[in-house]
Amino acid sequence: MEITCKINGEEKKLVFEPHEKLLHVLRREGYFGVKDGCSTGECGVCTVLVDGRPVKSCLMFAAQAKGKEILTIEGLGSDDSPHLIQLAFSDAGAVQCGFCTPAMVLSAKALIDSNPDPSEDDIRKALDGVLCRCTGYMKIIDAVKLAARRTLEKAEREAEYE
């Protein structure tokens, strides 16, 4: 099969077998921030954003990505210019082994994009589908709170200059 979609803002043509999941196609294309943890949707470390919503890529057929916009961690920020959420995770000490971090960061982005001032309960619900085997989640929750606060502050500063 062959489809066209946008990955990290760039139009891509993907070629794959009809049975292949998006996870495996993305990794084959070099997006290694998309992790393969369980292949059953239980751990959530394969989470990417599809049209702005968190999706477990191990459960989604690659064919379903036709015409969609996919964001992986590679498209969120760079080494020279990390995304505000990535900085918040670093500043809050919310990164341990890093295996779940891309999925946590993308889940946090989807939450903050749809709810710029989330409650702790909102954060817990948004991150519920991604398992972290290293922490008790408190630093991760703190990181999302920090990212949300910084996002609001940035929006307020930008509004002052309009």
C-alpha atoms as a PDB file:
ATOM      1  CA  MET A   1       0.000   0.000   0.000  1.00  0.00           C
ATOM      2  CA  GLU A   2       0.981   3.599  -0.440  1.00  0.00           C
ATOM      3  CA  ILE A   3      -0.409   6.677   1.281  1.00  0.00           C
ATOM      4  CA  THR A   4       0.474  10.310   1.724  1.00  0.00           C
ATOM      5  CA  CYS A   5       0.345  12.043   5.084  1.00  0.00           C
ATOM      6  CA  LYS A   6       2.145  14.812   6.933  1.00  0.00           C
ATOM      7  CA  ILE A   7       4.730  13.805   9.508  1.00  0.00           C
ATOM      8  CA  ASN A   8       6.124  16.617  11.632  1.00  0.00           C
ATOM      9  CA  GLY A   9       4.871  19.158   9.100  1.00  0.00           C
ATOM     10  CA  GLU A  10       6.454  17.481   6.087  1.00  0.00           C
ATOM     11  CA  GLU A  11       4.431  15.713   3.421  1.00  0.00           C
ATOM     12  CA  LYS A  12       5.520  12.069   3.241  1.00  0.00           C
ATOM     13  CA  LYS A  13       4.732   9.130   1.044  1.00  0.00           C
ATOM     14  CA  LEU A  14       4.639   5.892   3.039  1.00  0.00           C
ATOM     15  CA  VAL A  15       4.811   2.429   1.505  1.00  0.00           C
ATOM     16  CA  PHE A  16       3.885  -0.582   3.623  1.00  0.00           C
ATOM     17  CA  GLU A  17       2.048  -3.880   3.775  1.00  0.00           C
ATOM     18  CA  PRO A  18      -1.722  -3.661   4.493  1.00  0.00           C
ATOM     19  CA  HIS A  19      -1.343  -5.338   7.909  1.00  0.00           C
ATOM     20  CA  GLU A  20       1.382  -2.997   9.211  1.00  0.00           C
ATOM     21  CA  LYS A  21       0.796  -0.746  12.183  1.00  0.00           C
ATOM     22  CA  LEU A  22       1.749   2.911  12.158  1.00  0.00           C
ATOM     23  CA  LEU A  23       4.336   2.313  14.903  1.00  0.00           C
ATOM     24  CA  HIS A  24       6.443   0.010  12.756  1.00  0.00           C
ATOM     25  CA  VAL A  25       6.178   2.185   9.651  1.00  0.00           C
ATOM     26  CA  LEU A  26       7.214   5.295  11.594  1.00  0.00           C
ATOM     27  CA  ARG A  27      10.214   3.521  13.105  1.00  0.00           C
ATOM     28  CA  ARG A  28      11.222   2.196   9.688  1.00  0.00           C
ATOM     29  CA  GLU A  29      11.069   5.790   8.438  1.00  0.00           C
ATOM     30  CA  GLY A  30      13.539   6.821  11.169  1.00  0.00           C
ATOM     31  CA  TYR A  31      11.222   8.182  13.856  1.00  0.00           C
ATOM     32  CA  PHE A  32      12.842   6.329  16.740  1.00  0.00           C
ATOM     33  CA  GLY A  33      11.260   8.514  19.424  1.00  0.00           C
ATOM     34  CA  VAL A  34       8.170   6.369  18.843  1.00  0.00           C
ATOM     35  CA  LYS A  35       8.873   3.434  21.144  1.00  0.00           C
ATOM     36  CA  ASP A  36       7.714  -0.174  20.870  1.00  0.00           C
ATOM     37  CA  GLY A  37       6.860  -1.221  24.392  1.00  0.00           C
ATOM     38  CA  CYS A  38       4.117  -3.817  24.267  1.00  0.00           C
ATOM     39  CA  SER A  39       2.450  -3.822  20.811  1.00  0.00           C
ATOM     40  CA  THR A  40      -0.924  -4.227  22.563  1.00  0.00           C
ATOM     41  CA  GLY A  41      -1.785  -0.640  23.494  1.00  0.00           C
ATOM     42  CA  GLU A  42      -1.258  -1.255  27.207  1.00  0.00           C
ATOM     43  CA  CYS A  43       1.872   0.815  27.872  1.00  0.00           C
ATOM     44  CA  GLY A  44       1.277   3.819  25.608  1.00  0.00           C
ATOM     45  CA  VAL A  45       4.956   4.508  24.897  1.00  0.00           C
ATOM     46  CA  CYS A  46       4.145   4.417  21.172  1.00  0.00           C
ATOM     47  CA  THR A  47       1.861   7.458  21.484  1.00  0.00           C
ATOM     48  CA  VAL A  48       2.003  10.036  18.700  1.00  0.00           C
ATOM     49  CA  LEU A  49      -0.355  12.878  17.890  1.00  0.00           C
ATOM     50  CA  VAL A  50      -2.648  12.304  14.933  1.00  0.00           C
ATOM     51  CA  ASP A  51      -4.485  15.457  13.953  1.00  0.00           C
ATOM     52  CA  GLY A  52      -3.598  16.794  17.412  1.00  0.00           C
ATOM     53  CA  ARG A  53      -4.951  13.859  19.413  1.00  0.00           C
ATOM     54  CA  PRO A  54      -2.909  11.204  21.237  1.00  0.00           C
ATOM     55  CA  VAL A  55      -3.015   7.859  19.457  1.00  0.00           C
ATOM     56  CA  LYS A  56      -1.310   4.594  20.348  1.00  0.00           C
ATOM     57  CA  SER A  57       0.490   3.912  17.102  1.00  0.00           C
ATOM     58  CA  CYS A  58       0.837   0.192  17.842  1.00  0.00           C
ATOM     59  CA  LEU A  59      -2.952  -0.104  17.498  1.00  0.00           C
ATOM     60  CA  MET A  60      -3.432   2.084  14.432  1.00  0.00           C
ATOM     61  CA  PHE A  61      -3.011   0.610  10.979  1.00  0.00           C
ATOM     62  CA  ALA A  62      -0.648   2.687   8.861  1.00  0.00           C
ATOM     63  CA  ALA A  63      -3.363   2.889   6.190  1.00  0.00           C
ATOM     64  CA  GLN A  64      -5.506   4.884   8.637  1.00  0.00           C
ATOM     65  CA  ALA A  65      -2.913   7.674   8.520  1.00  0.00           C
ATOM     66  CA  LYS A  66      -3.861   8.597   4.954  1.00  0.00           C
ATOM     67  CA  GLY A  67      -4.270  12.361   4.754  1.00  0.00           C
ATOM     68  CA  LYS A  68      -3.608  12.793   8.470  1.00  0.00           C
ATOM     69  CA  GLU A  69      -1.124  15.028  10.245  1.00  0.00           C
ATOM     70  CA  ILE A  70       1.190  13.089  12.555  1.00  0.00           C
ATOM     71  CA  LEU A  71       3.446  14.620  15.173  1.00  0.00           C
ATOM     72  CA  THR A  72       6.254  12.591  16.712  1.00  0.00           C
ATOM     73  CA  ILE A  73       8.656  13.825  19.356  1.00  0.00           C
ATOM     74  CA  GLU A  74      11.187  14.520  16.604  1.00  0.00           C
ATOM     75  CA  GLY A  75       8.880  17.224  15.252  1.00  0.00           C
ATOM     76  CA  LEU A  76       8.204  18.970  18.545  1.00  0.00           C
ATOM     77  CA  GLY A  77      11.504  20.674  19.217  1.00  0.00           C
ATOM     78  CA  SER A  78      15.192  20.379  18.508  1.00  0.00           C
ATOM     79  CA  ASP A  79      18.420  20.169  20.472  1.00  0.00           C
ATOM     80  CA  ASP A  80      19.015  23.855  19.750  1.00  0.00           C
ATOM     81  CA  SER A  81      15.433  24.914  20.358  1.00  0.00           C
ATOM     82  CA  PRO A  82      13.532  22.510  22.621  1.00  0.00           C
ATOM     83  CA  HIS A  83       9.785  22.921  22.941  1.00  0.00           C
ATOM     84  CA  LEU A  84       8.528  24.607  26.096  1.00  0.00           C
ATOM     85  CA  ILE A  85       7.081  21.284  27.313  1.00  0.00           C
ATOM     86  CA  GLN A  86      10.390  19.504  26.786  1.00  0.00           C
ATOM     87  CA  LEU A  87      12.138  22.209  28.817  1.00  0.00           C
ATOM     88  CA  ALA A  88       9.569  21.866  31.598  1.00  0.00           C
ATOM     89  CA  PHE A  89      10.160  18.100  31.774  1.00  0.00           C
ATOM     90  CA  SER A  90      13.887  18.728  32.059  1.00  0.00           C
ATOM     91  CA  ASP A  91      13.517  21.547  34.603  1.00  0.00           C
ATOM     92  CA  ALA A  92      11.152  19.494  36.777  1.00  0.00           C
ATOM     93  CA  GLY A  93      13.419  16.435  36.713  1.00  0.00           C
ATOM     94  CA  ALA A  94      10.654  14.418  35.046  1.00  0.00           C
ATOM     95  CA  VAL A  95      12.996  12.403  32.851  1.00  0.00           C
ATOM     96  CA  GLN A  96      14.359   9.126  34.152  1.00  0.00           C
ATOM     97  CA  CYS A  97      15.230   6.430  31.619  1.00  0.00           C
ATOM     98  CA  GLY A  98      13.458   8.390  28.859  1.00  0.00           C
ATOM     99  CA  PHE A  99      11.550   5.463  27.389  1.00  0.00           C
ATOM    100  CA  CYS A 100       8.102   6.903  28.134  1.00  0.00           C
ATOM    101  CA  THR A 101       9.133  10.556  27.886  1.00  0.00           C
ATOM    102  CA  PRO A 102       8.251  11.152  24.214  1.00  0.00           C
ATOM    103  CA  ALA A 103       4.737   9.791  24.753  1.00  0.00           C
ATOM    104  CA  MET A 104       4.325  11.754  28.001  1.00  0.00           C
ATOM    105  CA  VAL A 105       5.473  14.987  26.342  1.00  0.00           C
ATOM    106  CA  LEU A 106       3.166  14.507  23.353  1.00  0.00           C
ATOM    107  CA  SER A 107       0.229  13.642  25.626  1.00  0.00           C
ATOM    108  CA  ALA A 108       0.975  16.785  27.635  1.00  0.00           C
ATOM    109  CA  LYS A 109       1.056  18.847  24.431  1.00  0.00           C
ATOM    110  CA  ALA A 110      -2.341  17.556  23.358  1.00  0.00           C
ATOM    111  CA  LEU A 111      -3.734  18.394  26.803  1.00  0.00           C
ATOM    112  CA  ILE A 112      -2.268  21.898  26.984  1.00  0.00           C
ATOM    113  CA  ASP A 113      -3.356  22.647  23.410  1.00  0.00           C
ATOM    114  CA  SER A 114      -6.949  21.776  24.285  1.00  0.00           C
ATOM    115  CA  ASN A 115      -6.917  22.974  27.912  1.00  0.00           C
ATOM    116  CA  PRO A 116      -4.274  25.618  28.648  1.00  0.00           C
ATOM    117  CA  ASP A 117      -4.995  25.616  32.389  1.00  0.00           C
ATOM    118  CA  PRO A 118      -5.478  21.945  33.329  1.00  0.00           C
ATOM    119  CA  SER A 119      -6.193  20.774  36.847  1.00  0.00           C
ATOM    120  CA  GLU A 120      -4.111  18.012  38.366  1.00  0.00           C
ATOM    121  CA  ASP A 121      -6.998  15.641  37.683  1.00  0.00           C
ATOM    122  CA  ASP A 122      -7.008  16.718  34.015  1.00  0.00           C
ATOM    123  CA  ILE A 123      -3.274  16.028  33.836  1.00  0.00           C
ATOM    124  CA  ARG A 124      -3.619  12.600  35.431  1.00  0.00           C
ATOM    125  CA  LYS A 125      -6.377  11.683  32.955  1.00  0.00           C
ATOM    126  CA  ALA A 126      -4.341  12.916  29.973  1.00  0.00           C
ATOM    127  CA  LEU A 127      -1.292  10.885  31.015  1.00  0.00           C
ATOM    128  CA  ASP A 128      -3.278   7.846  32.102  1.00  0.00           C
ATOM    129  CA  GLY A 129      -2.573   5.901  28.917  1.00  0.00           C
ATOM    130  CA  VAL A 130       1.219   6.077  29.223  1.00  0.00           C
ATOM    131  CA  LEU A 131       3.028   3.898  31.740  1.00  0.00           C
ATOM    132  CA  CYS A 132       6.244   5.000  33.397  1.00  0.00           C
ATOM    133  CA  ARG A 133       8.152   2.215  35.070  1.00  0.00           C
ATOM    134  CA  CYS A 134      10.733   4.491  36.729  1.00  0.00           C
ATOM    135  CA  THR A 135       8.809   7.039  38.795  1.00  0.00           C
ATOM    136  CA  GLY A 136       5.813   7.699  40.950  1.00  0.00           C
ATOM    137  CA  TYR A 137       4.591  10.213  38.326  1.00  0.00           C
ATOM    138  CA  MET A 138       4.782  13.241  40.652  1.00  0.00           C
ATOM    139  CA  LYS A 139       7.643  14.898  38.782  1.00  0.00           C
ATOM    140  CA  ILE A 140       5.878  14.221  35.497  1.00  0.00           C
ATOM    141  CA  ILE A 141       2.689  15.858  36.798  1.00  0.00           C
ATOM    142  CA  ASP A 142       4.780  18.768  38.115  1.00  0.00           C
ATOM    143  CA  ALA A 143       6.384  19.105  34.675  1.00  0.00           C
ATOM    144  CA  VAL A 144       2.997  19.327  32.950  1.00  0.00           C
ATOM    145  CA  LYS A 145       1.819  21.923  35.486  1.00  0.00           C
ATOM    146  CA  LEU A 146       5.003  23.907  34.838  1.00  0.00           C
ATOM    147  CA  ALA A 147       4.597  23.609  31.069  1.00  0.00           C
ATOM    148  CA  ALA A 148       0.963  24.751  31.264  1.00  0.00           C
ATOM    149  CA  ARG A 149       1.888  27.730  33.440  1.00  0.00           C
ATOM    150  CA  ARG A 150       4.736  28.717  31.108  1.00  0.00           C
ATOM    151  CA  THR A 151       2.477  28.332  28.071  1.00  0.00           C
ATOM    152  CA  LEU A 152      -0.112  30.654  29.610  1.00  0.00           C
ATOM    153  CA  GLU A 153       2.579  33.176  30.572  1.00  0.00           C
ATOM    154  CA  LYS A 154       4.003  33.087  27.045  1.00  0.00           C
ATOM    155  CA  ALA A 155       0.531  33.625  25.546  1.00  0.00           C
ATOM    156  CA  GLU A 156      -0.047  36.587  27.883  1.00  0.00           C
ATOM    157  CA  ARG A 157       3.308  38.149  26.905  1.00  0.00           C
ATOM    158  CA  GLU A 158       2.523  37.696  23.213  1.00  0.00           C
ATOM    159  CA  ALA A 159      -0.941  39.221  23.685  1.00  0.00           C
ATOM    160  CA  GLU A 160       0.659  42.327  25.223  1.00  0.00           C
ATOM    161  CA  TYR A 161       2.585  42.926  21.984  1.00  0.00           C
ATOM    162  CA  GLU A 162      -0.412  42.641  19.663  1.00  0.00           C
END
